[in-house]
Amino acid sequence: MAATTAPPSCEIARLPEDLLAASIARTTPRDACRAAAVSPAFRDAADSDAVWARFLPRDLPPLADGELSPAPPSKKALFMRLTDSPVLLADGLMSTWLDRETGAKCYMLSARALCIIWGDTPQYWRWIPLTDSRFSEGAELRVVCWLEIRGKIHCKMLSQNSTYTTYMVFKISDESYGLDSPLQEAAVIIGENKFTRQVCLQGHENEGEDEEEVPQNYRSLMVPDIRRRLRRRNCRIPPGVIVPKKRADGWMEIEMGEFKNEEGEDGEVSISLMETIGGNWKKGLILQGIEIRAKK
């Protein structure tokens, strides 16, 4: 009986490792991880520092001391560490991480890094410790009739030729009011381009649709907290208005807008949320910051 001949190995796997690595480095982080499963030769090339150095940004901002301790043993391990969770920048006012699919730099501006009108006036805002955030403190709205929050980031800190989406990250206290109406306006400005939309910080999709209506003659007997919930439930959100969504970390986020950071862009991205027209009093917003992450 003739001996069985082993199937020929993949011809491309016979290429020198440096050529394989150069080819894989021209793809994406996801493709590199897939290539590592092809064969041992592909794995050695796909996991090499030559490949993952191409996916790491060359201009990553300085990080706070100890953020990458212990030091990752390879470029791939460093990339994975930077995609797992945010790390603080040196000033402690911003955090950064990398998008795992594209390697784009993402950021969160803490409440302290934002311009909050009346934010330093204890009568209107107060600063509270945060135990479930990378930042040590956040801003809690005590009471204002003029809500204006602004943030900005230089385009050079972002990845070129990347589209970003911006989010406000926050919570609402049990004693809140005035955040459901009037609606707020969110705006994102880069260069000559301005994106605006209406949002509702205290709105929820399909809120109250399955709840039974409370008869009018019983409402005066309800405690204030229940009356506030009833008013929110009966306040329908107009179509097209953006409402918050719950995050896995327990915070809420509301999409403020998106922008494209073109190659060679030299300026700032300005992000804002405002409600200054209605004149009604507002209370109970707990602000962690504004997040800028690669659009999915």
C-alpha atoms as a PDB file:
ATOM      1  CA  MET A   1       0.000   0.000   0.000  1.00  0.00           C
ATOM      2  CA  ALA A   2       1.391   3.404  -0.948  1.00  0.00           C
ATOM      3  CA  ALA A   3       2.304   5.686   1.899  1.00  0.00           C
ATOM      4  CA  THR A   4      -0.064   8.576   2.580  1.00  0.00           C
ATOM      5  CA  THR A   5       1.403  11.879   1.501  1.00  0.00           C
ATOM      6  CA  ALA A   6       1.014  14.761   3.918  1.00  0.00           C
ATOM      7  CA  PRO A   7      -0.830  17.728   2.402  1.00  0.00           C
ATOM      8  CA  PRO A   8       1.455  20.572   1.352  1.00  0.00           C
ATOM      9  CA  SER A   9       1.700  23.418   3.837  1.00  0.00           C
ATOM     10  CA  CYS A  10       0.278  26.841   3.022  1.00  0.00           C
ATOM     11  CA  GLU A  11       2.667  28.468   0.606  1.00  0.00           C
ATOM     12  CA  ILE A  12       2.240  31.933   2.079  1.00  0.00           C
ATOM     13  CA  ALA A  13       3.262  30.592   5.495  1.00  0.00           C
ATOM     14  CA  ARG A  14       6.712  29.890   4.046  1.00  0.00           C
ATOM     15  CA  LEU A  15       7.372  33.592   3.622  1.00  0.00           C
ATOM     16  CA  PRO A  16       9.857  35.177   6.042  1.00  0.00           C
ATOM     17  CA  GLU A  17       8.252  36.355   9.270  1.00  0.00           C
ATOM     18  CA  ASP A  18       9.152  39.988   8.624  1.00  0.00           C
ATOM     19  CA  LEU A  19       7.301  39.940   5.297  1.00  0.00           C
ATOM     20  CA  LEU A  20       4.261  38.331   6.891  1.00  0.00           C
ATOM     21  CA  ALA A  21       4.357  40.904   9.698  1.00  0.00           C
ATOM     22  CA  ALA A  22       4.631  43.783   7.217  1.00  0.00           C
ATOM     23  CA  SER A  23       1.553  42.502   5.378  1.00  0.00           C
ATOM     24  CA  ILE A  24      -0.517  41.935   8.535  1.00  0.00           C
ATOM     25  CA  ALA A  25       0.438  45.372   9.871  1.00  0.00           C
ATOM     26  CA  ARG A  26      -1.380  46.937   6.904  1.00  0.00           C
ATOM     27  CA  THR A  27      -4.695  45.449   8.072  1.00  0.00           C
ATOM     28  CA  THR A  28      -6.605  46.081  11.319  1.00  0.00           C
ATOM     29  CA  PRO A  29      -6.264  44.813  14.902  1.00  0.00           C
ATOM     30  CA  ARG A  30      -9.205  42.477  14.351  1.00  0.00           C
ATOM     31  CA  ASP A  31      -7.614  41.038  11.186  1.00  0.00           C
ATOM     32  CA  ALA A  32      -4.321  40.540  13.015  1.00  0.00           C
ATOM     33  CA  CYS A  33      -6.068  38.503  15.713  1.00  0.00           C
ATOM     34  CA  ARG A  34      -7.740  36.392  13.050  1.00  0.00           C
ATOM     35  CA  ALA A  35      -4.436  35.868  11.230  1.00  0.00           C
ATOM     36  CA  ALA A  36      -2.881  34.526  14.432  1.00  0.00           C
ATOM     37  CA  ALA A  37      -5.261  31.536  14.253  1.00  0.00           C
ATOM     38  CA  VAL A  38      -4.207  30.480  10.733  1.00  0.00           C
ATOM     39  CA  SER A  39      -0.962  28.685  11.598  1.00  0.00           C
ATOM     40  CA  PRO A  40       2.025  28.859  13.965  1.00  0.00           C
ATOM     41  CA  ALA A  41       3.939  30.900  11.390  1.00  0.00           C
ATOM     42  CA  PHE A  42       1.088  33.375  11.091  1.00  0.00           C
ATOM     43  CA  ARG A  43       0.739  33.537  14.872  1.00  0.00           C
ATOM     44  CA  ASP A  44       4.395  34.440  15.348  1.00  0.00           C
ATOM     45  CA  ALA A  45       4.098  37.209  12.770  1.00  0.00           C
ATOM     46  CA  ALA A  46       0.654  38.461  13.842  1.00  0.00           C
ATOM     47  CA  ASP A  47       1.673  38.697  17.519  1.00  0.00           C
ATOM     48  CA  SER A  48       4.977  40.429  16.832  1.00  0.00           C
ATOM     49  CA  ASP A  49       5.831  43.908  18.097  1.00  0.00           C
ATOM     50  CA  ALA A  50       6.355  44.980  14.471  1.00  0.00           C
ATOM     51  CA  VAL A  51       2.640  44.469  13.800  1.00  0.00           C
ATOM     52  CA  TRP A  52       1.173  45.914  16.993  1.00  0.00           C
ATOM     53  CA  ALA A  53       3.456  48.933  16.989  1.00  0.00           C
ATOM     54  CA  ARG A  54       1.595  49.989  13.841  1.00  0.00           C
ATOM     55  CA  PHE A  55      -1.744  49.805  15.661  1.00  0.00           C
ATOM     56  CA  LEU A  56      -0.586  51.810  18.675  1.00  0.00           C
ATOM     57  CA  PRO A  57      -0.780  55.606  18.337  1.00  0.00           C
ATOM     58  CA  ARG A  58       2.610  57.267  18.225  1.00  0.00           C
ATOM     59  CA  ASP A  59       1.332  60.356  20.017  1.00  0.00           C
ATOM     60  CA  LEU A  60      -0.470  58.900  23.030  1.00  0.00           C
ATOM     61  CA  PRO A  61      -0.725  61.655  25.680  1.00  0.00           C
ATOM     62  CA  PRO A  62       1.316  61.273  28.888  1.00  0.00           C
ATOM     63  CA  LEU A  63      -0.426  59.014  31.388  1.00  0.00           C
ATOM     64  CA  ALA A  64      -0.722  59.362  35.139  1.00  0.00           C
ATOM     65  CA  ASP A  65       1.927  57.557  37.178  1.00  0.00           C
ATOM     66  CA  GLY A  66       1.201  53.879  37.675  1.00  0.00           C
ATOM     67  CA  GLU A  67      -1.578  53.620  35.080  1.00  0.00           C
ATOM     68  CA  LEU A  68       0.305  50.906  33.149  1.00  0.00           C
ATOM     69  CA  SER A  69       1.914  49.154  36.092  1.00  0.00           C
ATOM     70  CA  PRO A  70       3.136  46.499  35.703  1.00  0.00           C
ATOM     71  CA  ALA A  71       4.352  47.351  32.220  1.00  0.00           C
ATOM     72  CA  PRO A  72       2.792  45.149  29.496  1.00  0.00           C
ATOM     73  CA  PRO A  73       5.341  42.618  28.174  1.00  0.00           C
ATOM     74  CA  SER A  74       4.656  43.256  24.476  1.00  0.00           C
ATOM     75  CA  LYS A  75       3.133  45.767  22.060  1.00  0.00           C
ATOM     76  CA  LYS A  76       0.094  43.533  21.644  1.00  0.00           C
ATOM     77  CA  ALA A  77      -0.346  43.304  25.424  1.00  0.00           C
ATOM     78  CA  LEU A  78      -0.081  47.101  25.623  1.00  0.00           C
ATOM     79  CA  PHE A  79      -2.722  47.509  22.918  1.00  0.00           C
ATOM     80  CA  MET A  80      -5.060  45.084  24.700  1.00  0.00           C
ATOM     81  CA  ARG A  81      -4.516  46.861  28.005  1.00  0.00           C
ATOM     82  CA  LEU A  82      -5.428  50.206  26.436  1.00  0.00           C
ATOM     83  CA  THR A  83      -8.620  48.744  24.961  1.00  0.00           C
ATOM     84  CA  ASP A  84      -9.748  46.961  28.137  1.00  0.00           C
ATOM     85  CA  SER A  85     -10.478  50.050  30.252  1.00  0.00           C
ATOM     86  CA  PRO A  86      -9.707  53.789  30.357  1.00  0.00           C
ATOM     87  CA  VAL A  87      -6.433  55.056  31.815  1.00  0.00           C
ATOM     88  CA  LEU A  88      -5.997  58.477  33.391  1.00  0.00           C
ATOM     89  CA  LEU A  89      -3.947  61.169  31.734  1.00  0.00           C
ATOM     90  CA  ALA A  90      -1.226  62.933  33.709  1.00  0.00           C
ATOM     91  CA  ASP A  91      -3.498  65.805  34.816  1.00  0.00           C
ATOM     92  CA  GLY A  92      -6.140  63.429  36.188  1.00  0.00           C
ATOM     93  CA  LEU A  93      -8.877  65.411  34.409  1.00  0.00           C
ATOM     94  CA  MET A  94      -9.198  63.177  31.339  1.00  0.00           C
ATOM     95  CA  SER A  95      -9.018  59.470  30.589  1.00  0.00           C
ATOM     96  CA  THR A  96      -8.177  57.712  27.350  1.00  0.00           C
ATOM     97  CA  TRP A  97      -8.458  54.286  25.753  1.00  0.00           C
ATOM     98  CA  LEU A  98      -8.211  52.738  22.285  1.00  0.00           C
ATOM     99  CA  ASP A  99     -11.015  51.391  20.150  1.00  0.00           C
ATOM    100  CA  ARG A 100     -10.320  47.671  19.810  1.00  0.00           C
ATOM    101  CA  GLU A 101     -11.486  47.398  16.198  1.00  0.00           C
ATOM    102  CA  THR A 102      -9.706  50.427  14.740  1.00  0.00           C
ATOM    103  CA  GLY A 103      -7.124  51.544  17.295  1.00  0.00           C
ATOM    104  CA  ALA A 104      -8.638  55.056  17.322  1.00  0.00           C
ATOM    105  CA  LYS A 105      -7.957  57.133  20.437  1.00  0.00           C
ATOM    106  CA  CYS A 106     -11.016  57.753  22.606  1.00  0.00           C
ATOM    107  CA  TYR A 107     -11.393  60.110  25.571  1.00  0.00           C
ATOM    108  CA  MET A 108     -13.553  61.137  28.479  1.00  0.00           C
ATOM    109  CA  LEU A 109     -13.449  64.713  29.741  1.00  0.00           C
ATOM    110  CA  SER A 110     -14.215  64.727  33.460  1.00  0.00           C
ATOM    111  CA  ALA A 111     -16.693  67.190  34.939  1.00  0.00           C
ATOM    112  CA  ARG A 112     -13.691  69.173  36.255  1.00  0.00           C
ATOM    113  CA  ALA A 113     -12.379  69.482  32.697  1.00  0.00           C
ATOM    114  CA  LEU A 114     -15.657  71.045  31.507  1.00  0.00           C
ATOM    115  CA  CYS A 115     -16.934  74.600  31.656  1.00  0.00           C
ATOM    116  CA  ILE A 116     -20.093  74.504  33.794  1.00  0.00           C
ATOM    117  CA  ILE A 117     -21.818  77.850  34.143  1.00  0.00           C
ATOM    118  CA  TRP A 118     -22.187  78.575  37.889  1.00  0.00           C
ATOM    119  CA  GLY A 119     -20.181  75.381  38.513  1.00  0.00           C
ATOM    120  CA  ASP A 120     -18.028  77.052  41.169  1.00  0.00           C
ATOM    121  CA  THR A 121     -20.992  78.559  43.011  1.00  0.00           C
ATOM    122  CA  PRO A 122     -22.035  76.182  45.847  1.00  0.00           C
ATOM    123  CA  GLN A 123     -25.555  77.575  45.779  1.00  0.00           C
ATOM    124  CA  TYR A 124     -26.067  76.099  42.306  1.00  0.00           C
ATOM    125  CA  TRP A 125     -23.616  73.200  41.913  1.00  0.00           C
ATOM    126  CA  ARG A 126     -21.613  71.122  44.338  1.00  0.00           C
ATOM    127  CA  TRP A 127     -18.667  68.764  43.828  1.00  0.00           C
ATOM    128  CA  ILE A 128     -19.157  65.248  45.177  1.00  0.00           C
ATOM    129  CA  PRO A 129     -16.838  62.217  45.441  1.00  0.00           C
ATOM    130  CA  LEU A 130     -17.373  59.406  42.935  1.00  0.00           C
ATOM    131  CA  THR A 131     -16.731  55.805  43.911  1.00  0.00           C
ATOM    132  CA  ASP A 132     -17.700  54.223  40.575  1.00  0.00           C
ATOM    133  CA  SER A 133     -15.590  56.289  38.177  1.00  0.00           C
ATOM    134  CA  ARG A 134     -11.940  56.716  37.183  1.00  0.00           C
ATOM    135  CA  PHE A 135     -12.358  60.331  38.270  1.00  0.00           C
ATOM    136  CA  SER A 136     -12.336  61.244  41.940  1.00  0.00           C
ATOM    137  CA  GLU A 137     -15.251  63.696  41.798  1.00  0.00           C
ATOM    138  CA  GLY A 138     -18.260  64.759  39.788  1.00  0.00           C
ATOM    139  CA  ALA A 139     -20.611  67.738  39.696  1.00  0.00           C
ATOM    140  CA  GLU A 140     -24.119  67.616  41.168  1.00  0.00           C
ATOM    141  CA  LEU A 141     -26.688  70.177  40.126  1.00  0.00           C
ATOM    142  CA  ARG A 142     -28.326  71.684  43.199  1.00  0.00           C
ATOM    143  CA  VAL A 143     -30.595  74.147  41.413  1.00  0.00           C
ATOM    144  CA  VAL A 144     -30.263  76.435  38.366  1.00  0.00           C
ATOM    145  CA  CYS A 145     -32.531  77.984  35.772  1.00  0.00           C
ATOM    146  CA  TRP A 146     -29.646  78.384  33.292  1.00  0.00           C
ATOM    147  CA  LEU A 147     -28.137  75.013  32.336  1.00  0.00           C
ATOM    148  CA  GLU A 148     -24.973  75.327  30.243  1.00  0.00           C
ATOM    149  CA  ILE A 149     -22.187  72.735  30.050  1.00  0.00           C
ATOM    150  CA  ARG A 150     -19.316  72.998  27.556  1.00  0.00           C
ATOM    151  CA  GLY A 151     -16.277  70.907  26.746  1.00  0.00           C
ATOM    152  CA  LYS A 152     -13.545  70.992  24.139  1.00  0.00           C
ATOM    153  CA  ILE A 153     -10.656  68.887  22.896  1.00  0.00           C
ATOM    154  CA  HIS A 154      -7.922  69.646  20.370  1.00  0.00           C
ATOM    155  CA  CYS A 155      -8.219  67.796  17.068  1.00  0.00           C
ATOM    156  CA  LYS A 156      -4.567  66.733  17.258  1.00  0.00           C
ATOM    157  CA  MET A 157      -5.359  64.599  20.312  1.00  0.00           C
ATOM    158  CA  LEU A 158      -7.783  62.540  18.220  1.00  0.00           C
ATOM    159  CA  SER A 159      -7.064  59.977  15.505  1.00  0.00           C
ATOM    160  CA  GLN A 160      -7.025  61.320  11.960  1.00  0.00           C
ATOM    161  CA  ASN A 161      -9.639  60.313   9.395  1.00  0.00           C
ATOM    162  CA  SER A 162     -11.861  58.951  12.162  1.00  0.00           C
ATOM    163  CA  THR A 163     -15.528  59.524  12.878  1.00  0.00           C
ATOM    164  CA  TYR A 164     -16.435  60.075  16.524  1.00  0.00           C
ATOM    165  CA  THR A 165     -19.645  60.115  18.553  1.00  0.00           C
ATOM    166  CA  THR A 166     -19.947  62.220  21.713  1.00  0.00           C
ATOM    167  CA  TYR A 167     -21.914  61.328  24.833  1.00  0.00           C
ATOM    168  CA  MET A 168     -22.731  62.966  28.141  1.00  0.00           C
ATOM    169  CA  VAL A 169     -22.312  60.490  31.022  1.00  0.00           C
ATOM    170  CA  PHE A 170     -24.455  61.194  34.084  1.00  0.00           C
ATOM    171  CA  LYS A 171     -26.931  60.033  36.694  1.00  0.00           C
ATOM    172  CA  ILE A 172     -30.207  61.518  37.937  1.00  0.00           C
ATOM    173  CA  SER A 173     -30.849  61.843  41.664  1.00  0.00           C
ATOM    174  CA  ASP A 174     -34.142  60.815  43.273  1.00  0.00           C
ATOM    175  CA  GLU A 175     -34.925  64.452  44.118  1.00  0.00           C
ATOM    176  CA  SER A 176     -34.514  65.699  40.552  1.00  0.00           C
ATOM    177  CA  TYR A 177     -36.913  67.943  38.672  1.00  0.00           C
ATOM    178  CA  GLY A 178     -36.962  70.207  35.627  1.00  0.00           C
ATOM    179  CA  LEU A 179     -34.710  67.993  33.479  1.00  0.00           C
ATOM    180  CA  ASP A 180     -37.480  66.563  31.309  1.00  0.00           C
ATOM    181  CA  SER A 181     -38.910  69.840  30.013  1.00  0.00           C
ATOM    182  CA  PRO A 182     -38.020  72.118  28.300  1.00  0.00           C
ATOM    183  CA  LEU A 183     -35.825  69.963  26.084  1.00  0.00           C
ATOM    184  CA  GLN A 184     -32.095  70.597  26.010  1.00  0.00           C
ATOM    185  CA  GLU A 185     -29.982  71.353  22.937  1.00  0.00           C
ATOM    186  CA  ALA A 186     -26.772  69.421  22.316  1.00  0.00           C
ATOM    187  CA  ALA A 187     -24.216  70.773  19.856  1.00  0.00           C
ATOM    188  CA  VAL A 188     -20.915  69.564  18.380  1.00  0.00           C
ATOM    189  CA  ILE A 189     -18.768  72.037  16.421  1.00  0.00           C
ATOM    190  CA  ILE A 190     -15.574  71.344  14.469  1.00  0.00           C
ATOM    191  CA  GLY A 191     -14.265  73.979  12.082  1.00  0.00           C
ATOM    192  CA  GLU A 192     -17.158  75.332  10.035  1.00  0.00           C
ATOM    193  CA  ASN A 193     -19.330  72.287  10.720  1.00  0.00           C
ATOM    194  CA  LYS A 194     -21.967  72.406  13.464  1.00  0.00           C
ATOM    195  CA  PHE A 195     -24.219  69.531  14.495  1.00  0.00           C
ATOM    196  CA  THR A 196     -27.188  70.227  16.785  1.00  0.00           C
ATOM    197  CA  ARG A 197     -30.016  68.108  18.130  1.00  0.00           C
ATOM    198  CA  GLN A 198     -32.668  68.133  20.826  1.00  0.00           C
ATOM    199  CA  VAL A 199     -32.180  65.804  23.776  1.00  0.00           C
ATOM    200  CA  CYS A 200     -34.054  65.044  26.985  1.00  0.00           C
ATOM    201  CA  LEU A 201     -31.912  64.170  29.989  1.00  0.00           C
ATOM    202  CA  GLN A 202     -34.811  62.669  31.905  1.00  0.00           C
ATOM    203  CA  GLY A 203     -36.689  60.979  29.094  1.00  0.00           C
ATOM    204  CA  HIS A 204     -36.897  57.242  28.508  1.00  0.00           C
ATOM    205  CA  GLU A 205     -38.019  55.302  25.489  1.00  0.00           C
ATOM    206  CA  ASN A 206     -41.557  53.913  25.849  1.00  0.00           C
ATOM    207  CA  GLU A 207     -41.716  55.224  29.376  1.00  0.00           C
ATOM    208  CA  GLY A 208     -45.090  54.599  30.996  1.00  0.00           C
ATOM    209  CA  GLU A 209     -46.745  52.929  28.001  1.00  0.00           C
ATOM    210  CA  ASP A 210     -47.664  49.852  30.032  1.00  0.00           C
ATOM    211  CA  GLU A 211     -48.456  51.750  33.224  1.00  0.00           C
ATOM    212  CA  GLU A 212     -51.995  52.281  34.418  1.00  0.00           C
ATOM    213  CA  GLU A 213     -53.204  55.873  34.468  1.00  0.00           C
ATOM    214  CA  VAL A 214     -53.807  57.266  37.970  1.00  0.00           C
ATOM    215  CA  PRO A 215     -57.253  58.898  38.391  1.00  0.00           C
ATOM    216  CA  GLN A 216     -57.134  62.670  38.880  1.00  0.00           C
ATOM    217  CA  ASN A 217     -58.976  62.600  42.229  1.00  0.00           C
ATOM    218  CA  TYR A 218     -56.279  60.316  43.763  1.00  0.00           C
ATOM    219  CA  ARG A 219     -53.277  62.360  42.716  1.00  0.00           C
ATOM    220  CA  SER A 220     -53.482  64.818  45.608  1.00  0.00           C
ATOM    221  CA  LEU A 221     -53.049  61.881  48.031  1.00  0.00           C
ATOM    222  CA  MET A 222     -49.746  60.780  46.541  1.00  0.00           C
ATOM    223  CA  VAL A 223     -46.400  61.637  48.124  1.00  0.00           C
ATOM    224  CA  PRO A 224     -44.289  64.231  46.234  1.00  0.00           C
ATOM    225  CA  ASP A 225     -41.889  61.656  44.774  1.00  0.00           C
ATOM    226  CA  ILE A 226     -44.728  59.675  43.192  1.00  0.00           C
ATOM    227  CA  ARG A 227     -46.278  62.875  41.832  1.00  0.00           C
ATOM    228  CA  ARG A 228     -42.973  63.769  40.204  1.00  0.00           C
ATOM    229  CA  ARG A 229     -42.768  60.340  38.579  1.00  0.00           C
ATOM    230  CA  LEU A 230     -46.330  60.707  37.326  1.00  0.00           C
ATOM    231  CA  ARG A 231     -45.552  64.074  35.727  1.00  0.00           C
ATOM    232  CA  ARG A 232     -42.514  62.557  33.993  1.00  0.00           C
ATOM    233  CA  ARG A 233     -44.532  59.599  32.754  1.00  0.00           C
ATOM    234  CA  ASN A 234     -47.251  61.840  31.345  1.00  0.00           C
ATOM    235  CA  CYS A 235     -44.695  64.049  29.581  1.00  0.00           C
ATOM    236  CA  ARG A 236     -44.367  62.381  26.183  1.00  0.00           C
ATOM    237  CA  ILE A 237     -41.102  62.817  24.317  1.00  0.00           C
ATOM    238  CA  PRO A 238     -41.571  64.201  20.770  1.00  0.00           C
ATOM    239  CA  PRO A 239     -40.314  62.024  17.896  1.00  0.00           C
ATOM    240  CA  GLY A 240     -36.671  62.539  17.006  1.00  0.00           C
ATOM    241  CA  VAL A 241     -35.617  63.704  20.472  1.00  0.00           C
ATOM    242  CA  ILE A 242     -32.658  61.726  21.850  1.00  0.00           C
ATOM    243  CA  VAL A 243     -33.145  60.119  25.261  1.00  0.00           C
ATOM    244  CA  PRO A 244     -30.624  58.492  27.643  1.00  0.00           C
ATOM    245  CA  LYS A 245     -29.608  54.849  27.709  1.00  0.00           C
ATOM    246  CA  LYS A 246     -28.321  52.799  30.630  1.00  0.00           C
ATOM    247  CA  ARG A 247     -24.656  51.792  30.490  1.00  0.00           C
ATOM    248  CA  ALA A 248     -23.108  48.561  31.727  1.00  0.00           C
ATOM    249  CA  ASP A 249     -21.249  50.517  34.436  1.00  0.00           C
ATOM    250  CA  GLY A 250     -24.492  51.776  35.986  1.00  0.00           C
ATOM    251  CA  TRP A 251     -24.302  55.313  34.576  1.00  0.00           C
ATOM    252  CA  MET A 252     -26.557  56.831  31.922  1.00  0.00           C
ATOM    253  CA  GLU A 253     -25.379  58.263  28.621  1.00  0.00           C
ATOM    254  CA  ILE A 254     -27.057  60.465  26.044  1.00  0.00           C
ATOM    255  CA  GLU A 255     -25.761  60.821  22.501  1.00  0.00           C
ATOM    256  CA  MET A 256     -24.934  64.455  21.778  1.00  0.00           C
ATOM    257  CA  GLY A 257     -23.719  64.249  18.170  1.00  0.00           C
ATOM    258  CA  GLU A 258     -20.925  63.108  15.899  1.00  0.00           C
ATOM    259  CA  PHE A 259     -18.091  64.571  13.839  1.00  0.00           C
ATOM    260  CA  LYS A 260     -15.316  63.564  11.427  1.00  0.00           C
ATOM    261  CA  ASN A 261     -11.728  64.388  12.349  1.00  0.00           C
ATOM    262  CA  GLU A 262     -10.100  64.832   8.963  1.00  0.00           C
ATOM    263  CA  GLU A 263      -6.395  64.472   8.305  1.00  0.00           C
ATOM    264  CA  GLY A 264      -4.602  67.751   8.908  1.00  0.00           C
ATOM    265  CA  GLU A 265      -7.447  69.204  11.004  1.00  0.00           C
ATOM    266  CA  ASP A 266      -5.953  71.855  13.289  1.00  0.00           C
ATOM    267  CA  GLY A 267      -8.392  73.310  15.757  1.00  0.00           C
ATOM    268  CA  GLU A 268     -10.753  72.250  18.504  1.00  0.00           C
ATOM    269  CA  VAL A 269     -13.913  70.208  18.798  1.00  0.00           C
ATOM    270  CA  SER A 270     -16.488  72.022  20.948  1.00  0.00           C
ATOM    271  CA  ILE A 271     -19.266  70.062  22.644  1.00  0.00           C
ATOM    272  CA  SER A 272     -22.123  71.612  24.598  1.00  0.00           C
ATOM    273  CA  LEU A 273     -25.456  70.952  26.266  1.00  0.00           C
ATOM    274  CA  MET A 274     -27.746  73.884  27.057  1.00  0.00           C
ATOM    275  CA  GLU A 275     -31.201  74.830  28.242  1.00  0.00           C
ATOM    276  CA  THR A 276     -31.349  78.560  28.843  1.00  0.00           C
ATOM    277  CA  ILE A 277     -34.623  79.640  27.266  1.00  0.00           C
ATOM    278  CA  GLY A 278     -37.385  78.141  29.433  1.00  0.00           C
ATOM    279  CA  GLY A 279     -36.294  79.770  32.684  1.00  0.00           C
ATOM    280  CA  ASN A 280     -37.590  76.902  34.805  1.00  0.00           C
ATOM    281  CA  TRP A 281     -35.561  75.566  37.733  1.00  0.00           C
ATOM    282  CA  LYS A 282     -33.682  72.298  37.406  1.00  0.00           C
ATOM    283  CA  LYS A 283     -32.156  69.959  39.975  1.00  0.00           C
ATOM    284  CA  GLY A 284     -30.582  66.529  40.344  1.00  0.00           C
ATOM    285  CA  LEU A 285     -28.146  66.064  37.439  1.00  0.00           C
ATOM    286  CA  ILE A 286     -24.982  64.219  38.556  1.00  0.00           C
ATOM    287  CA  LEU A 287     -22.332  64.734  35.893  1.00  0.00           C
ATOM    288  CA  GLN A 288     -19.341  62.454  35.392  1.00  0.00           C
ATOM    289  CA  GLY A 289     -18.187  63.936  32.079  1.00  0.00           C
ATOM    290  CA  ILE A 290     -18.339  63.901  28.287  1.00  0.00           C
ATOM    291  CA  GLU A 291     -17.149  60.866  26.356  1.00  0.00           C
ATOM    292  CA  ILE A 292     -15.693  60.988  22.825  1.00  0.00           C
ATOM    293  CA  ARG A 293     -15.425  57.569  21.246  1.00  0.00           C
ATOM    294  CA  ALA A 294     -15.056  56.029  17.797  1.00  0.00           C
ATOM    295  CA  LYS A 295     -18.351  55.664  15.983  1.00  0.00           C
ATOM    296  CA  LYS A 296     -19.581  52.094  15.613  1.00  0.00           C
END
